[in-house]
Amino acid sequence: MPVMEPTYEAEISLEELWARLRPALPIAFGLAVIAAALAYFVVSREPPTYEAVARVIVVQPYTTPAIATTSVNVPPLDPDAYREVALSLPVLRQAMGEGRDFDALKKRLRVRVVKGQRSSVLSLAVRHQDPKTAAAWANAWAEALKAWEDERAKGNFARDEASLASRLEVVDNELAEAIRAGDQTRIQALERLKADILRDLDLVRALRISATGNLQILERAQIPQRPVAPRPKLVALLVAFLVIFLVIAIVFLREALDPRLRSSEEAARMHRLPVLGEFPKMPPGVSRELPKEAASFLRANVDHALVSEDPKVILVTSPDASEGKSSVALSLAKAYARAERPVLLIDADLRKAVLDRELSVKEAKGLVDYFEDPFAPIEPVKVEAYLDFIPAGQLPENPSELLSEHWKGFLGRLLETRRYGVIVIDSAPLLPVADTLVLAPHASGTLLVVGVGQTMKRRLQMALELLERIGVKVLGLSVTLVRTSWLFALGKDRYGYGYGYGYGYGRASRGKGENAGIQGSAH
């Protein structure tokens, strides 16, 4: 009966994002607290700065009926233009005096504009460490800006006065010519026009003396009582949020750039394969056998995938070394034995066998011995009730050739005995060497073991494509090295064991370091 493959979302769910982010939160908050405390300490040592604000209103001009061509006020500038005028050197020199560094001074000054439909308000803010100086400068600045506007208005009336004086001169010349010509009608008209111009000229001269612009001081600056800077609490809070944001960004960037598998959900989503079992990362120095409950869960899923197979021949492999395949094979076999089902475990990794030492099997016939004597009776080692074991034996120089020649016949002899309902085979990693390609076609199904933070996504894809090309039935994935520590969130791996497979690899050494199971870098 075919196994129904689950459907996974193409995108990472919010739940998965939270699962990846959650381990990093303790570090983020810890760093945020340290950074906030340091920022508070540094900022609180800065001298206090006070801000004084004077407000100036821009009023609308009005006209007088007495002068048809002249307004009492000049047209106002745009509020943004007044902002630039306020920061101009002539205004600042008049407000603060000569001989100052006005580029540095402008850093203490702020102009805020509130625009209305008929009028606008300019807020002139000055910051200084002395509150009295801040208030004095703000008021002087407002008065200097108003004085500049008043001078602009006086200049406008001066231009009107000059224009009227020019017209008066022209009328006087025309009147003189009319008198010489004795043209009484023209003389009377010009005298009336001259009288009007003289009246307007007298009025413009009077207005020029008392002219004011469109700016009025709305509110004078008061001496500030509280400093506006520094604000250590606010800075500390902002630094804390920034640190948390940076840590979260680093976590997500690391997740995005990491070429390794980050979770079993990611492996399932990428390759549309069911995850049949998950096993945690075990600390060094413990048994290679994985947690029993997880192994029993894996056994139940494998049974479901091979429900119609009897006996069940299960090949356990991984794309590369150090991904936990031997630990999974051993744990799966023991799970079947606990269910009181006769199971045979075979160590077919003729490159680097480890199960014989894990099971304390010495001086027993191994797989290589049965290959060399095909007619010898097969006598597995009794490990425990319902569990027998065939070790690899003396590791050969040519494992691939030996397996190609003898594996099919050996497996046929085992199946003929009908002694076992389940045969679990621990094979070499799939990609470094060709041994597994010989074994896999003769199994009921292949269980592919991948390690979180260990298996490269590209290598897993290559392994699956290779198994598909030779027509192997992949039961699903068994995920090992599942970490729960926050160290994984920052890419910190506490256990750094290696393995040693490679193309052209010959006889493996049985020296120190071989018994590194799923504790760190699992075989």
Protein backbone atom coordinates (compact mmCIF):
# COMPACT_ATOMS: atom_id res chain seq x y z
CA MET A 1 0.00 0.00 0.00
CA PRO A 2 1.56 3.32 -1.03
CA VAL A 3 2.39 5.85 1.64
CA MET A 4 0.43 9.07 1.40
CA GLU A 5 2.85 11.97 1.34
CA PRO A 6 1.82 14.94 3.46
CA THR A 7 1.34 18.32 1.90
CA TYR A 8 3.48 21.12 3.30
CA GLU A 9 3.20 24.83 2.78
CA ALA A 10 5.60 26.36 0.33
CA GLU A 11 6.25 29.29 2.65
CA ILE A 12 7.61 29.29 6.16
CA SER A 13 4.73 29.63 8.58
CA LEU A 14 4.62 32.14 11.41
CA GLU A 15 4.80 29.26 13.86
CA GLU A 16 8.05 28.04 12.30
CA LEU A 17 9.49 31.55 12.26
CA TRP A 18 8.66 31.90 15.93
CA ALA A 19 10.26 28.52 16.67
CA ARG A 20 13.49 29.71 15.05
CA LEU A 21 13.43 33.10 16.68
CA ARG A 22 12.49 32.03 20.20
CA PRO A 23 15.88 30.50 21.14
CA ALA A 24 17.61 33.80 20.30
CA LEU A 25 15.34 35.96 22.44
CA PRO A 26 17.19 35.36 25.76
CA ILE A 27 20.43 36.55 24.15
CA ALA A 28 18.67 39.50 22.51
CA PHE A 29 17.13 40.66 25.78
CA GLY A 30 20.35 40.06 27.69
CA LEU A 31 22.41 42.12 25.25
CA ALA A 32 19.68 44.77 25.18
CA VAL A 33 19.82 45.17 28.95
CA ILE A 34 23.62 45.46 28.93
CA ALA A 35 23.63 47.93 26.03
CA ALA A 36 20.82 49.99 27.58
CA ALA A 37 22.64 50.19 30.92
CA LEU A 38 25.86 51.26 29.20
CA ALA A 39 24.02 53.87 27.11
CA TYR A 40 22.25 55.21 30.20
CA PHE A 41 25.57 55.50 32.05
CA VAL A 42 27.31 57.31 29.17
CA VAL A 43 24.46 59.68 28.29
CA SER A 44 23.67 60.58 31.89
CA ARG A 45 27.24 61.89 32.26
CA GLU A 46 26.70 64.53 29.56
CA PRO A 47 26.01 68.14 30.73
CA PRO A 48 22.34 69.22 30.61
CA THR A 49 21.07 71.24 27.65
CA TYR A 50 18.14 73.68 27.87
CA GLU A 51 15.86 74.85 25.08
CA ALA A 52 14.11 78.23 24.95
CA VAL A 53 11.48 78.99 22.29
CA ALA A 54 10.23 82.34 20.98
CA ARG A 55 7.25 82.41 18.62
CA VAL A 56 6.67 84.82 15.76
CA ILE A 57 3.40 85.12 13.81
CA VAL A 58 3.14 86.03 10.13
CA VAL A 59 0.20 88.46 9.70
CA GLN A 60 -1.63 89.33 6.48
CA PRO A 61 -1.18 92.79 4.90
CA TYR A 62 -4.00 95.34 4.67
CA THR A 63 -4.53 98.40 2.45
CA THR A 64 -5.72 101.96 3.14
CA PRO A 65 -8.28 103.76 1.00
CA ALA A 66 -6.17 106.86 1.17
CA ILE A 67 -3.60 105.41 -1.21
CA ALA A 68 -4.96 103.44 -4.13
CA THR A 69 -1.59 102.22 -5.34
CA THR A 70 0.23 101.63 -2.10
CA SER A 71 -0.35 99.07 0.69
CA VAL A 72 0.45 99.77 4.29
CA ASN A 73 2.26 96.37 4.57
CA VAL A 74 4.40 94.64 2.01
CA PRO A 75 3.21 91.20 0.83
CA PRO A 76 4.43 88.51 3.26
CA LEU A 77 6.96 85.89 2.24
CA ASP A 78 6.23 82.20 2.17
CA PRO A 79 6.69 80.64 5.68
CA ASP A 80 9.49 78.43 4.37
CA ALA A 81 11.22 81.54 3.04
CA TYR A 82 11.03 83.08 6.52
CA ARG A 83 12.68 79.91 7.85
CA GLU A 84 15.66 80.45 5.54
CA VAL A 85 15.79 84.16 6.43
CA ALA A 86 15.88 83.29 10.13
CA LEU A 87 18.94 81.09 9.56
CA SER A 88 20.70 83.61 7.31
CA LEU A 89 23.93 85.24 8.42
CA PRO A 90 22.59 88.85 8.50
CA VAL A 91 19.83 87.91 10.94
CA LEU A 92 22.11 85.71 13.08
CA ARG A 93 24.80 88.42 13.23
CA GLN A 94 22.26 90.97 14.38
CA ALA A 95 20.87 88.55 17.01
CA MET A 96 24.06 87.00 18.42
CA GLY A 97 26.73 89.48 17.42
CA GLU A 98 29.80 89.27 15.24
CA GLY A 99 32.79 86.95 15.66
CA ARG A 100 30.90 83.69 16.26
CA ASP A 101 31.22 80.32 14.56
CA PHE A 102 27.83 80.44 12.88
CA ASP A 103 28.16 76.95 11.38
CA ALA A 104 28.48 75.53 14.89
CA LEU A 105 25.86 77.93 16.17
CA LYS A 106 23.26 76.69 13.68
CA LYS A 107 23.46 73.23 15.29
CA ARG A 108 21.89 74.80 18.41
CA LEU A 109 19.07 76.45 16.46
CA ARG A 110 15.77 75.02 15.24
CA VAL A 111 13.00 76.69 13.24
CA ARG A 112 9.61 74.99 13.22
CA VAL A 113 6.78 76.30 11.02
CA VAL A 114 3.06 75.81 11.66
CA LYS A 115 1.18 76.86 8.52
CA GLY A 116 -2.40 78.16 8.60
CA GLN A 117 -4.79 79.31 5.92
CA ARG A 118 -4.31 83.04 6.61
CA SER A 119 -1.34 83.15 8.93
CA SER A 120 1.58 81.03 10.08
CA VAL A 121 3.65 80.74 13.25
CA LEU A 122 7.43 80.41 13.39
CA SER A 123 8.91 78.80 16.52
CA LEU A 124 12.54 79.85 17.03
CA ALA A 125 14.22 77.39 19.41
CA VAL A 126 17.70 77.84 20.88
CA ARG A 127 19.58 75.18 22.85
CA HIS A 128 22.29 76.05 25.32
CA GLN A 129 23.76 74.65 28.50
CA ASP A 130 22.85 77.91 30.29
CA PRO A 131 19.04 78.36 30.43
CA LYS A 132 19.30 82.16 30.69
CA THR A 133 21.52 82.36 27.64
CA ALA A 134 19.11 80.12 25.70
CA ALA A 135 16.17 82.44 26.51
CA ALA A 136 18.16 85.62 25.74
CA TRP A 137 19.36 84.26 22.38
CA ALA A 138 15.86 83.11 21.40
CA ASN A 139 14.36 86.55 22.11
CA ALA A 140 17.21 88.34 20.34
CA TRP A 141 16.76 86.02 17.37
CA ALA A 142 13.03 86.75 17.16
CA GLU A 143 13.65 90.51 17.41
CA ALA A 144 16.35 90.34 14.71
CA LEU A 145 14.00 88.48 12.39
CA LYS A 146 11.25 91.05 13.01
CA ALA A 147 13.73 93.89 12.46
CA TRP A 148 14.74 92.37 9.12
CA GLU A 149 11.08 92.23 8.08
CA ASP A 150 10.51 95.83 9.22
CA GLU A 151 13.47 96.97 7.13
CA ARG A 152 11.99 95.12 4.19
CA ALA A 153 8.72 97.03 4.69
CA LYS A 154 10.54 100.41 4.99
CA GLY A 155 12.40 99.61 1.81
CA ASN A 156 9.12 99.01 0.03
CA PHE A 157 7.82 102.47 1.08
CA ALA A 158 11.15 104.01 0.05
CA ARG A 159 10.62 102.62 -3.44
CA ASP A 160 7.08 104.01 -3.47
CA GLU A 161 8.43 107.41 -2.37
CA ALA A 162 11.03 107.40 -5.14
CA SER A 163 8.36 106.48 -7.69
CA LEU A 164 6.07 109.32 -6.58
CA ALA A 165 8.98 111.79 -6.61
CA SER A 166 9.77 110.79 -10.20
CA ARG A 167 6.13 111.30 -11.23
CA LEU A 168 6.10 114.70 -9.49
CA GLU A 169 9.17 115.77 -11.46
CA VAL A 170 7.52 114.78 -14.72
CA VAL A 171 4.31 116.68 -13.84
CA ASP A 172 6.34 119.79 -12.90
CA ASN A 173 8.05 119.77 -16.30
CA GLU A 174 4.76 119.34 -18.14
CA LEU A 175 3.18 122.15 -16.06
CA ALA A 176 6.04 124.51 -16.93
CA GLU A 177 5.54 123.84 -20.64
CA ALA A 178 1.76 124.42 -20.31
CA ILE A 179 2.37 127.79 -18.59
CA ARG A 180 4.72 128.91 -21.37
CA ALA A 181 2.13 127.86 -23.90
CA GLY A 182 -0.71 129.60 -22.02
CA ASP A 183 -2.90 126.45 -22.13
CA GLN A 184 -5.22 127.12 -19.19
CA THR A 185 -7.15 123.88 -19.45
CA ARG A 186 -3.97 121.78 -19.34
CA ILE A 187 -2.58 123.93 -16.56
CA GLN A 188 -5.59 123.26 -14.37
CA ALA A 189 -5.47 119.47 -14.99
CA LEU A 190 -1.77 119.26 -14.20
CA GLU A 191 -2.15 121.31 -11.04
CA ARG A 192 -4.86 118.92 -9.78
CA LEU A 193 -2.63 115.91 -10.60
CA LYS A 194 0.33 117.54 -8.83
CA ALA A 195 -1.78 118.12 -5.73
CA ASP A 196 -2.77 114.42 -5.64
CA ILE A 197 0.85 113.31 -6.01
CA LEU A 198 2.01 115.66 -3.26
CA ARG A 199 -0.69 114.32 -0.94
CA ASP A 200 0.34 110.68 -1.65
CA LEU A 201 4.02 111.58 -1.28
CA ASP A 202 3.48 113.16 2.12
CA LEU A 203 1.50 110.08 3.24
CA VAL A 204 4.15 107.61 1.98
CA ARG A 205 6.89 109.57 3.75
CA ALA A 206 4.91 109.41 6.98
CA LEU A 207 4.23 105.69 6.56
CA ARG A 208 7.89 104.93 5.79
CA ILE A 209 8.89 106.36 9.12
CA SER A 210 6.42 104.16 11.07
CA ALA A 211 6.36 101.15 8.70
CA THR A 212 6.35 97.61 10.13
CA GLY A 213 6.51 94.27 8.34
CA ASN A 214 4.29 91.22 8.49
CA LEU A 215 5.97 89.64 11.53
CA GLN A 216 4.90 90.16 15.11
CA ILE A 217 6.37 88.56 18.20
CA LEU A 218 3.62 86.28 19.49
CA GLU A 219 5.39 84.87 22.55
CA ARG A 220 8.73 85.75 24.04
CA ALA A 221 11.02 82.97 25.23
CA GLN A 222 10.95 82.14 28.94
CA ILE A 223 13.89 80.79 30.90
CA PRO A 224 13.50 76.97 30.71
CA GLN A 225 13.31 75.13 34.02
CA ARG A 226 14.04 71.58 32.81
CA PRO A 227 16.70 70.38 30.38
CA VAL A 228 15.68 68.79 27.09
CA ALA A 229 18.90 66.80 26.84
CA PRO A 230 20.41 64.47 27.64
CA ARG A 231 17.55 61.97 27.97
CA PRO A 232 19.27 58.84 29.26
CA LYS A 233 16.06 56.85 29.74
CA LEU A 234 14.88 57.45 26.19
CA VAL A 235 18.34 56.73 24.74
CA ALA A 236 18.61 53.54 26.79
CA LEU A 237 15.19 52.41 25.57
CA LEU A 238 16.06 53.13 21.93
CA VAL A 239 19.39 51.31 22.26
CA ALA A 240 17.63 48.31 23.79
CA PHE A 241 15.16 48.15 20.90
CA LEU A 242 17.98 48.57 18.39
CA VAL A 243 19.99 45.72 19.91
CA ILE A 244 16.95 43.43 19.92
CA PHE A 245 16.25 44.33 16.30
CA LEU A 246 19.87 43.68 15.29
CA VAL A 247 19.97 40.28 17.01
CA ILE A 248 16.70 39.28 15.35
CA ALA A 249 18.00 40.52 12.00
CA ILE A 250 21.21 38.50 12.45
CA VAL A 251 19.20 35.38 13.28
CA PHE A 252 17.01 35.77 10.20
CA LEU A 253 20.01 36.59 8.01
CA ARG A 254 21.81 33.54 9.29
CA GLU A 255 18.75 31.41 8.62
CA ALA A 256 18.48 32.79 5.10
CA LEU A 257 22.17 32.23 4.26
CA ASP A 258 22.69 28.91 6.08
CA PRO A 259 23.19 26.12 3.48
CA ARG A 260 22.38 23.46 6.08
CA LEU A 261 19.03 22.05 7.06
CA ARG A 262 17.57 24.10 9.88
CA SER A 263 14.64 21.94 10.88
CA SER A 264 12.75 18.78 10.02
CA GLU A 265 9.89 20.94 8.73
CA GLU A 266 12.23 22.54 6.21
CA ALA A 267 13.46 19.14 4.97
CA ALA A 268 9.90 17.90 4.58
CA ARG A 269 8.74 21.07 2.88
CA MET A 270 11.63 21.13 0.42
CA HIS A 271 11.44 17.53 -0.70
CA ARG A 272 7.83 16.49 -0.03
CA LEU A 273 8.95 13.59 2.13
CA PRO A 274 7.37 12.56 5.42
CA VAL A 275 9.42 12.91 8.58
CA LEU A 276 9.15 9.48 10.20
CA GLY A 277 11.09 10.29 13.35
CA GLU A 278 13.01 13.02 15.17
CA PHE A 279 15.88 12.52 17.60
CA PRO A 280 17.51 15.14 19.81
CA LYS A 281 21.17 16.03 19.91
CA MET A 282 22.69 13.93 22.67
CA PRO A 283 25.57 15.03 24.89
CA PRO A 284 28.96 13.32 24.54
CA GLY A 285 29.71 10.17 26.47
CA VAL A 286 26.24 8.57 26.42
CA SER A 287 25.15 5.45 24.58
CA ARG A 288 24.65 5.56 20.83
CA GLU A 289 21.07 4.37 21.37
CA LEU A 290 18.57 7.18 20.99
CA PRO A 291 15.51 7.90 23.18
CA LYS A 292 13.17 4.91 23.21
CA GLU A 293 9.94 6.83 22.71
CA ALA A 294 11.28 8.53 19.59
CA ALA A 295 12.57 5.20 18.28
CA SER A 296 9.18 3.57 18.86
CA PHE A 297 7.52 6.41 16.97
CA LEU A 298 9.92 5.83 14.07
CA ARG A 299 9.20 2.09 14.14
CA ALA A 300 5.44 2.71 13.93
CA ASN A 301 5.87 5.01 10.94
CA VAL A 302 8.17 2.59 9.15
CA ASP A 303 5.65 -0.21 9.75
CA HIS A 304 2.95 1.92 8.20
CA ALA A 305 5.14 2.66 5.17
CA LEU A 306 5.95 -1.06 4.70
CA VAL A 307 2.67 -2.54 5.86
CA SER A 308 2.47 -4.97 2.94
CA GLU A 309 6.11 -6.13 3.16
CA ASP A 310 7.04 -9.37 4.94
CA PRO A 311 9.79 -9.55 5.89
CA LYS A 312 10.73 -5.92 5.98
CA VAL A 313 14.25 -5.12 4.78
CA ILE A 314 15.03 -1.57 5.91
CA LEU A 315 18.18 0.17 4.68
CA VAL A 316 19.37 3.09 6.81
CA THR A 317 21.71 5.59 5.18
CA SER A 318 22.47 9.31 5.05
CA PRO A 319 23.73 11.72 2.41
CA ASP A 320 27.06 12.20 4.19
CA ALA A 321 28.86 11.14 7.33
CA SER A 322 28.22 12.49 10.83
CA GLU A 323 24.45 12.60 10.45
CA GLY A 324 23.44 9.86 12.91
CA LYS A 325 22.55 6.90 10.65
CA SER A 326 24.21 4.23 12.80
CA SER A 327 22.45 5.52 15.90
CA VAL A 328 19.12 5.49 14.06
CA ALA A 329 19.69 1.96 12.73
CA LEU A 330 20.53 0.64 16.20
CA SER A 331 17.63 2.42 17.86
CA LEU A 332 15.15 1.25 15.21
CA ALA A 333 16.29 -2.37 15.58
CA LYS A 334 15.96 -2.21 19.37
CA ALA A 335 12.50 -0.66 19.03
CA TYR A 336 11.38 -3.69 16.99
CA ALA A 337 12.96 -6.00 19.57
CA ARG A 338 11.05 -4.28 22.39
CA ALA A 339 7.89 -4.98 20.41
CA GLU A 340 8.87 -8.69 20.53
CA ARG A 341 9.40 -8.94 16.81
CA PRO A 342 12.43 -10.94 15.66
CA VAL A 343 14.83 -8.43 14.12
CA LEU A 344 18.29 -8.75 12.58
CA LEU A 345 20.65 -5.77 12.59
CA ILE A 346 23.43 -5.86 9.96
CA ASP A 347 26.39 -3.51 9.97
CA ALA A 348 26.97 -3.21 6.21
CA ASP A 349 29.16 -0.13 6.51
CA LEU A 350 32.38 -1.73 5.33
CA ARG A 351 34.17 1.61 5.42
CA LYS A 352 33.88 2.48 9.06
CA ALA A 353 31.90 0.06 11.17
CA VAL A 354 31.00 1.12 14.72
CA LEU A 355 28.09 -1.06 15.85
CA ASP A 356 30.23 -4.03 16.88
CA ARG A 357 31.95 -1.90 19.53
CA GLU A 358 28.68 -0.31 20.58
CA LEU A 359 27.15 -3.77 21.11
CA SER A 360 30.37 -5.19 22.60
CA VAL A 361 30.60 -7.89 19.94
CA LYS A 362 34.08 -9.44 19.65
CA GLU A 363 35.49 -12.38 17.73
CA ALA A 364 32.24 -13.07 15.90
CA LYS A 365 31.77 -13.85 12.23
CA GLY A 366 31.08 -10.70 10.31
CA LEU A 367 29.56 -9.82 6.98
CA VAL A 368 32.92 -9.93 5.21
CA ASP A 369 33.51 -13.45 6.57
CA TYR A 370 30.21 -14.66 5.09
CA PHE A 371 31.13 -13.05 1.78
CA GLU A 372 34.44 -14.92 1.74
CA ASP A 373 32.74 -18.24 2.63
CA PRO A 374 29.32 -18.12 0.92
CA PHE A 375 28.41 -21.61 2.06
CA ALA A 376 29.10 -21.12 5.75
CA PRO A 377 25.97 -21.22 7.94
CA ILE A 378 24.78 -17.76 8.95
CA GLU A 379 25.04 -17.50 12.71
CA PRO A 380 24.20 -13.98 13.96
CA VAL A 381 25.18 -12.85 17.44
CA LYS A 382 22.37 -12.76 20.00
CA VAL A 383 22.40 -9.24 21.46
CA GLU A 384 19.18 -9.41 23.45
CA ALA A 385 15.80 -11.06 23.26
CA TYR A 386 14.44 -10.79 19.70
CA LEU A 387 17.55 -8.90 18.47
CA ASP A 388 20.38 -10.54 16.54
CA PHE A 389 23.36 -8.81 15.02
CA ILE A 390 25.83 -9.41 12.19
CA PRO A 391 28.90 -7.16 12.49
CA ALA A 392 30.85 -5.91 9.50
CA GLY A 393 33.87 -8.05 10.23
CA GLN A 394 37.37 -7.29 9.04
CA LEU A 395 37.09 -4.23 6.82
CA PRO A 396 38.15 -4.99 3.23
CA GLU A 397 40.17 -3.00 0.73
CA ASN A 398 37.45 -3.12 -1.93
CA PRO A 399 34.06 -2.77 -0.19
CA SER A 400 32.04 -1.74 -3.26
CA GLU A 401 33.25 -4.65 -5.36
CA LEU A 402 32.72 -7.11 -2.52
CA LEU A 403 29.17 -5.94 -1.94
CA SER A 404 28.36 -5.99 -5.65
CA GLU A 405 29.48 -9.60 -5.89
CA HIS A 406 28.04 -11.11 -2.72
CA TRP A 407 25.28 -8.96 -1.22
CA LYS A 408 22.36 -10.24 -3.28
CA GLY A 409 23.19 -13.88 -2.60
CA PHE A 410 23.81 -13.27 1.08
CA LEU A 411 20.51 -11.44 1.53
CA GLY A 412 18.70 -14.19 -0.37
CA ARG A 413 20.07 -16.80 2.01
CA LEU A 414 18.89 -14.73 4.99
CA LEU A 415 15.38 -14.31 3.61
CA GLU A 416 15.09 -18.03 2.91
CA THR A 417 15.52 -18.80 6.59
CA ARG A 418 12.33 -16.86 7.47
CA ARG A 419 13.82 -16.32 10.94
CA TYR A 420 13.32 -12.56 11.00
CA GLY A 421 10.34 -10.38 10.34
CA VAL A 422 12.55 -7.28 10.14
CA ILE A 423 16.08 -6.78 8.84
CA VAL A 424 17.71 -3.41 9.54
CA ILE A 425 20.83 -2.60 7.53
CA ASP A 426 23.26 0.12 8.52
CA SER A 427 25.01 1.13 5.30
CA ALA A 428 27.73 3.62 4.38
CA PRO A 429 26.80 7.24 3.61
CA LEU A 430 25.28 7.58 0.17
CA LEU A 431 27.25 10.33 -1.56
CA PRO A 432 30.92 9.81 -0.60
CA VAL A 433 31.05 6.14 -1.75
CA ALA A 434 29.05 3.80 -3.98
CA ASP A 435 28.41 1.02 -1.44
CA THR A 436 24.83 2.01 -0.67
CA LEU A 437 23.90 2.03 -4.35
CA VAL A 438 24.56 -1.72 -4.34
CA LEU A 439 22.48 -2.39 -1.21
CA ALA A 440 19.49 -0.09 -1.68
CA PRO A 441 17.79 -1.79 -4.68
CA HIS A 442 17.46 -5.03 -2.68
CA ALA A 443 15.76 -3.42 0.34
CA SER A 444 12.04 -3.03 0.92
CA GLY A 445 12.64 0.66 1.53
CA THR A 446 15.34 3.16 2.39
CA LEU A 447 15.27 5.40 5.44
CA LEU A 448 17.30 8.57 4.86
CA VAL A 449 18.87 10.11 7.96
CA VAL A 450 19.61 13.85 7.99
CA GLY A 451 21.04 16.00 10.76
CA VAL A 452 19.78 19.44 11.70
CA GLY A 453 22.63 21.90 11.30
CA GLN A 454 24.73 19.16 9.73
CA THR A 455 23.20 18.07 6.43
CA MET A 456 23.70 20.41 3.49
CA LYS A 457 20.50 21.11 1.57
CA ARG A 458 22.28 20.64 -1.74
CA ARG A 459 23.73 17.28 -0.63
CA LEU A 460 20.31 16.06 0.48
CA GLN A 461 18.89 17.00 -2.92
CA MET A 462 21.72 15.11 -4.64
CA ALA A 463 21.11 12.02 -2.48
CA LEU A 464 17.40 11.95 -3.26
CA GLU A 465 18.01 12.40 -6.98
CA LEU A 466 20.52 9.54 -6.90
CA LEU A 467 18.09 7.19 -5.15
CA GLU A 468 15.35 8.17 -7.58
CA ARG A 469 17.54 7.37 -10.58
CA ILE A 470 18.16 3.81 -9.40
CA GLY A 471 14.50 3.26 -8.53
CA VAL A 472 14.85 3.01 -4.77
CA LYS A 473 11.81 3.45 -2.56
CA VAL A 474 12.51 6.19 -0.01
CA LEU A 475 10.31 5.68 3.05
CA GLY A 476 10.96 9.12 4.45
CA LEU A 477 13.35 11.08 6.62
CA SER A 478 14.68 10.48 10.08
CA VAL A 479 15.92 13.76 11.52
CA THR A 480 18.73 13.74 14.09
CA LEU A 481 20.72 16.35 15.98
CA VAL A 482 17.55 18.29 16.72
CA ARG A 483 18.75 21.03 19.01
CA THR A 484 16.80 22.78 21.70
CA SER A 485 19.64 24.90 23.02
CA TRP A 486 19.72 28.64 22.29
CA LEU A 487 23.33 28.14 21.19
CA PHE A 488 22.08 26.73 17.90
CA ALA A 489 20.21 29.94 17.19
CA LEU A 490 23.54 31.76 16.88
CA GLY A 491 25.27 28.96 15.03
CA LYS A 492 27.20 27.76 18.10
CA ASP A 493 27.80 24.04 18.11
CA ARG A 494 29.13 22.78 21.41
CA TYR A 495 30.26 19.44 20.03
CA GLY A 496 32.69 19.42 17.15
CA TYR A 497 33.43 15.82 16.19
CA GLY A 498 34.38 14.89 12.62
CA TYR A 499 34.11 11.72 10.57
CA GLY A 500 36.49 11.01 7.74
CA TYR A 501 34.72 9.63 4.68
CA GLY A 502 35.99 10.53 1.26
CA TYR A 503 36.18 9.33 -2.29
CA GLY A 504 38.91 6.76 -2.73
CA TYR A 505 38.72 5.90 0.96
CA GLY A 506 40.26 2.52 1.67
CA ARG A 507 40.62 0.56 4.89
CA ALA A 508 39.33 2.60 7.81
CA SER A 509 41.28 3.01 10.96
CA ARG A 510 39.67 1.67 14.12
CA GLY A 511 41.51 4.03 16.33
CA LYS A 512 40.55 6.74 18.71
CA GLY A 513 37.48 8.81 17.93
CA GLU A 514 35.44 6.17 16.11
CA ASN A 515 32.81 5.89 18.77
CA ALA A 516 31.42 9.37 18.27
CA GLY A 517 27.77 8.61 17.75
CA ILE A 518 24.97 11.03 17.47
CA GLN A 519 26.64 12.80 20.37
CA GLY A 520 27.85 15.74 18.35
CA SER A 521 28.85 14.23 15.02
CA ALA A 522 26.93 11.00 14.71
CA HIS A 523 28.04 8.22 12.38
